[in-house]
């Protein structure tokens, strides 16, 4: 999470949102449960300016912090999944994976790809006999 390769430089970027709490995303929730913990998702419009990062998992505070002013929605959603992946490894007690930015980033990118490319058949189109054994 303190990997310098993940730091970004401020450029003219179309922000994902204009308010602290209103991000129109089917991927980024306002909160979620992971294990026995409720994790809040909050926004800090100064995260990039102050720390040169778009997102951060704050384990002691049970939060994910994102900066919606610094990136387009797609990047913000990927950053959310990146921080969620840190949280999953944290809950699992997998410190080696939690601190491995390469693994976390790859895992989060595959999650994002699966989520945005998913297609859903209507129940009428599903052949349930294929699933019976």
C-alpha atoms as a PDB file:
ATOM      1  CA  UNK A   1       0.000   0.000   0.000  1.00  0.00           C
ATOM      2  CA  UNK A   2       3.001   2.283   0.305  1.00  0.00           C
ATOM      3  CA  UNK A   3       4.389   1.159  -3.037  1.00  0.00           C
ATOM      4  CA  UNK A   4       5.724   4.158  -4.980  1.00  0.00           C
ATOM      5  CA  UNK A   5       4.739   2.530  -8.293  1.00  0.00           C
ATOM      6  CA  UNK A   6       1.075   2.993  -7.307  1.00  0.00           C
ATOM      7  CA  UNK A   7       1.451   6.735  -6.798  1.00  0.00           C
ATOM      8  CA  UNK A   8      -0.084   8.992  -9.399  1.00  0.00           C
ATOM      9  CA  UNK A   9       0.612  12.445 -10.648  1.00  0.00           C
ATOM     10  CA  UNK A  10      -2.210  14.955 -10.752  1.00  0.00           C
ATOM     11  CA  UNK A  11      -3.308  15.719 -14.304  1.00  0.00           C
ATOM     12  CA  UNK A  12      -6.400  17.080 -15.985  1.00  0.00           C
ATOM     13  CA  UNK A  13      -8.651  14.142 -15.211  1.00  0.00           C
ATOM     14  CA  UNK A  14     -12.422  13.924 -15.515  1.00  0.00           C
ATOM     15  CA  UNK A  15     -13.474  13.233 -11.909  1.00  0.00           C
ATOM     16  CA  UNK A  16     -15.779  10.345 -11.027  1.00  0.00           C
ATOM     17  CA  UNK A  17     -17.971  12.426  -8.768  1.00  0.00           C
ATOM     18  CA  UNK A  18     -18.589  15.935  -7.546  1.00  0.00           C
ATOM     19  CA  UNK A  19     -19.843  15.223  -4.044  1.00  0.00           C
ATOM     20  CA  UNK A  20     -18.506  13.400  -1.031  1.00  0.00           C
ATOM     21  CA  UNK A  21     -21.097  10.580  -1.035  1.00  0.00           C
ATOM     22  CA  UNK A  22     -22.715  10.487  -4.488  1.00  0.00           C
ATOM     23  CA  UNK A  23     -20.797   8.137  -6.757  1.00  0.00           C
ATOM     24  CA  UNK A  24     -23.031   6.486  -9.334  1.00  0.00           C
ATOM     25  CA  UNK A  25     -21.472   3.025  -9.396  1.00  0.00           C
ATOM     26  CA  UNK A  26     -22.893  -0.480  -9.289  1.00  0.00           C
ATOM     27  CA  UNK A  27     -19.503  -1.651  -7.997  1.00  0.00           C
ATOM     28  CA  UNK A  28     -18.694   0.799  -5.186  1.00  0.00           C
ATOM     29  CA  UNK A  29     -21.045   0.429  -2.189  1.00  0.00           C
ATOM     30  CA  UNK A  30     -21.425   2.822   0.723  1.00  0.00           C
ATOM     31  CA  UNK A  31     -20.603  -0.059   3.089  1.00  0.00           C
ATOM     32  CA  UNK A  32     -20.372  -3.862   3.151  1.00  0.00           C
ATOM     33  CA  UNK A  33     -19.764  -6.722   5.574  1.00  0.00           C
ATOM     34  CA  UNK A  34     -16.610  -8.809   5.404  1.00  0.00           C
ATOM     35  CA  UNK A  35     -16.360 -11.538   7.986  1.00  0.00           C
ATOM     36  CA  UNK A  36     -17.646  -9.978  11.184  1.00  0.00           C
ATOM     37  CA  UNK A  37     -16.640  -6.435  10.215  1.00  0.00           C
ATOM     38  CA  UNK A  38     -18.704  -3.688   8.644  1.00  0.00           C
ATOM     39  CA  UNK A  39     -16.478  -1.744   6.253  1.00  0.00           C
ATOM     40  CA  UNK A  40     -17.491   1.810   5.370  1.00  0.00           C
ATOM     41  CA  UNK A  41     -16.535   3.345   2.018  1.00  0.00           C
ATOM     42  CA  UNK A  42     -15.811   7.044   2.247  1.00  0.00           C
ATOM     43  CA  UNK A  43     -14.408   9.746   0.027  1.00  0.00           C
ATOM     44  CA  UNK A  44     -11.529  12.137   0.598  1.00  0.00           C
ATOM     45  CA  UNK A  45     -11.031  14.655  -2.185  1.00  0.00           C
ATOM     46  CA  UNK A  46      -7.514  15.417  -0.878  1.00  0.00           C
ATOM     47  CA  UNK A  47      -6.089  11.890  -0.957  1.00  0.00           C
ATOM     48  CA  UNK A  48      -4.263  12.368  -4.265  1.00  0.00           C
ATOM     49  CA  UNK A  49      -3.022  15.851  -3.399  1.00  0.00           C
ATOM     50  CA  UNK A  50      -1.789  14.817   0.042  1.00  0.00           C
ATOM     51  CA  UNK A  51      -0.593  11.235  -0.530  1.00  0.00           C
ATOM     52  CA  UNK A  52      -0.518  10.678  -4.331  1.00  0.00           C
ATOM     53  CA  UNK A  53      -2.861   7.669  -4.085  1.00  0.00           C
ATOM     54  CA  UNK A  54      -6.453   7.151  -5.269  1.00  0.00           C
ATOM     55  CA  UNK A  55      -7.508   4.677  -2.589  1.00  0.00           C
ATOM     56  CA  UNK A  56      -6.501   3.335   0.774  1.00  0.00           C
ATOM     57  CA  UNK A  57      -7.587   0.485   3.050  1.00  0.00           C
ATOM     58  CA  UNK A  58      -7.638   1.686   6.655  1.00  0.00           C
ATOM     59  CA  UNK A  59      -7.805  -1.478   8.714  1.00  0.00           C
ATOM     60  CA  UNK A  60      -7.880   0.140  12.159  1.00  0.00           C
ATOM     61  CA  UNK A  61     -10.807   2.346  11.119  1.00  0.00           C
ATOM     62  CA  UNK A  62     -12.698  -0.357   9.149  1.00  0.00           C
ATOM     63  CA  UNK A  63     -12.797   1.891   6.082  1.00  0.00           C
ATOM     64  CA  UNK A  64     -11.876   2.168   2.446  1.00  0.00           C
ATOM     65  CA  UNK A  65     -11.087   5.727   1.417  1.00  0.00           C
ATOM     66  CA  UNK A  66     -11.286   6.804  -2.245  1.00  0.00           C
ATOM     67  CA  UNK A  67     -10.560  10.108  -3.977  1.00  0.00           C
ATOM     68  CA  UNK A  68     -13.301  10.680  -6.595  1.00  0.00           C
ATOM     69  CA  UNK A  69     -11.779  13.960  -7.765  1.00  0.00           C
ATOM     70  CA  UNK A  70      -8.647  12.346  -9.144  1.00  0.00           C
ATOM     71  CA  UNK A  71      -9.807   9.666 -11.558  1.00  0.00           C
ATOM     72  CA  UNK A  72     -12.561   8.600 -13.938  1.00  0.00           C
ATOM     73  CA  UNK A  73     -15.193   6.193 -12.634  1.00  0.00           C
ATOM     74  CA  UNK A  74     -13.538   3.089 -14.124  1.00  0.00           C
ATOM     75  CA  UNK A  75     -10.283   3.813 -12.300  1.00  0.00           C
ATOM     76  CA  UNK A  76     -12.133   4.583  -9.070  1.00  0.00           C
ATOM     77  CA  UNK A  77     -14.018   1.274  -9.310  1.00  0.00           C
ATOM     78  CA  UNK A  78     -10.774  -0.598  -9.942  1.00  0.00           C
ATOM     79  CA  UNK A  79      -9.236   1.185  -6.960  1.00  0.00           C
ATOM     80  CA  UNK A  80     -12.175   0.132  -4.793  1.00  0.00           C
ATOM     81  CA  UNK A  81     -11.659  -3.506  -5.808  1.00  0.00           C
ATOM     82  CA  UNK A  82      -7.922  -3.127  -5.149  1.00  0.00           C
ATOM     83  CA  UNK A  83      -8.612  -1.940  -1.600  1.00  0.00           C
ATOM     84  CA  UNK A  84     -11.290  -4.624  -1.153  1.00  0.00           C
ATOM     85  CA  UNK A  85      -8.685  -7.232  -2.091  1.00  0.00           C
ATOM     86  CA  UNK A  86      -6.361  -5.860   0.611  1.00  0.00           C
ATOM     87  CA  UNK A  87      -9.265  -6.217   3.050  1.00  0.00           C
ATOM     88  CA  UNK A  88     -10.009  -9.814   1.993  1.00  0.00           C
ATOM     89  CA  UNK A  89      -6.387 -10.843   2.508  1.00  0.00           C
ATOM     90  CA  UNK A  90      -6.381  -8.980   5.845  1.00  0.00           C
ATOM     91  CA  UNK A  91      -9.476 -10.873   7.064  1.00  0.00           C
ATOM     92  CA  UNK A  92      -7.942 -14.148   5.852  1.00  0.00           C
ATOM     93  CA  UNK A  93      -4.775 -13.414   7.833  1.00  0.00           C
ATOM     94  CA  UNK A  94      -2.694 -13.587   4.652  1.00  0.00           C
ATOM     95  CA  UNK A  95      -0.228 -10.803   5.413  1.00  0.00           C
ATOM     96  CA  UNK A  96       2.191 -11.832   2.665  1.00  0.00           C
ATOM     97  CA  UNK A  97      -0.548 -11.508   0.030  1.00  0.00           C
ATOM     98  CA  UNK A  98      -2.065  -8.388   1.639  1.00  0.00           C
ATOM     99  CA  UNK A  99       1.256  -6.573   1.350  1.00  0.00           C
ATOM    100  CA  UNK A 100       2.052  -7.815  -2.165  1.00  0.00           C
ATOM    101  CA  UNK A 101       0.864  -4.976  -4.429  1.00  0.00           C
ATOM    102  CA  UNK A 102       1.416  -7.028  -7.580  1.00  0.00           C
ATOM    103  CA  UNK A 103      -0.862  -9.861  -6.414  1.00  0.00           C
ATOM    104  CA  UNK A 104      -3.458  -7.447  -5.027  1.00  0.00           C
ATOM    105  CA  UNK A 105      -3.502  -5.389  -8.213  1.00  0.00           C
ATOM    106  CA  UNK A 106      -3.735  -8.384 -10.566  1.00  0.00           C
ATOM    107  CA  UNK A 107      -6.477  -9.977  -8.458  1.00  0.00           C
ATOM    108  CA  UNK A 108      -8.457  -6.722  -8.378  1.00  0.00           C
ATOM    109  CA  UNK A 109      -8.115  -6.214 -12.148  1.00  0.00           C
ATOM    110  CA  UNK A 110      -9.440  -9.723 -12.820  1.00  0.00           C
ATOM    111  CA  UNK A 111     -12.346  -9.087 -10.422  1.00  0.00           C
ATOM    112  CA  UNK A 112     -13.121  -5.861 -12.263  1.00  0.00           C
ATOM    113  CA  UNK A 113     -12.956  -7.552 -15.665  1.00  0.00           C
ATOM    114  CA  UNK A 114     -15.289 -10.353 -14.525  1.00  0.00           C
ATOM    115  CA  UNK A 115     -17.728  -7.866 -12.998  1.00  0.00           C
ATOM    116  CA  UNK A 116     -18.013  -5.478 -15.955  1.00  0.00           C
ATOM    117  CA  UNK A 117     -18.062  -8.210 -18.618  1.00  0.00           C
ATOM    118  CA  UNK A 118     -20.604 -10.459 -16.848  1.00  0.00           C
ATOM    119  CA  UNK A 119     -23.729 -11.298 -18.818  1.00  0.00           C
ATOM    120  CA  UNK A 120     -26.917 -12.507 -17.151  1.00  0.00           C
ATOM    121  CA  UNK A 121     -29.460 -14.731 -18.831  1.00  0.00           C
ATOM    122  CA  UNK A 122     -33.058 -14.372 -17.824  1.00  0.00           C
ATOM    123  CA  UNK A 123     -34.389 -17.314 -15.805  1.00  0.00           C
ATOM    124  CA  UNK A 124     -36.480 -18.385 -18.780  1.00  0.00           C
ATOM    125  CA  UNK A 125     -33.280 -18.865 -20.830  1.00  0.00           C
ATOM    126  CA  UNK A 126     -31.461 -20.966 -18.242  1.00  0.00           C
ATOM    127  CA  UNK A 127     -31.554 -24.725 -18.703  1.00  0.00           C
ATOM    128  CA  UNK A 128     -31.552 -25.918 -15.107  1.00  0.00           C
ATOM    129  CA  UNK A 129     -31.162 -29.547 -16.173  1.00  0.00           C
ATOM    130  CA  UNK A 130     -27.556 -28.739 -17.120  1.00  0.00           C
ATOM    131  CA  UNK A 131     -26.876 -28.080 -13.433  1.00  0.00           C
ATOM    132  CA  UNK A 132     -28.581 -31.188 -12.027  1.00  0.00           C
ATOM    133  CA  UNK A 133     -26.573 -34.302 -11.303  1.00  0.00           C
END
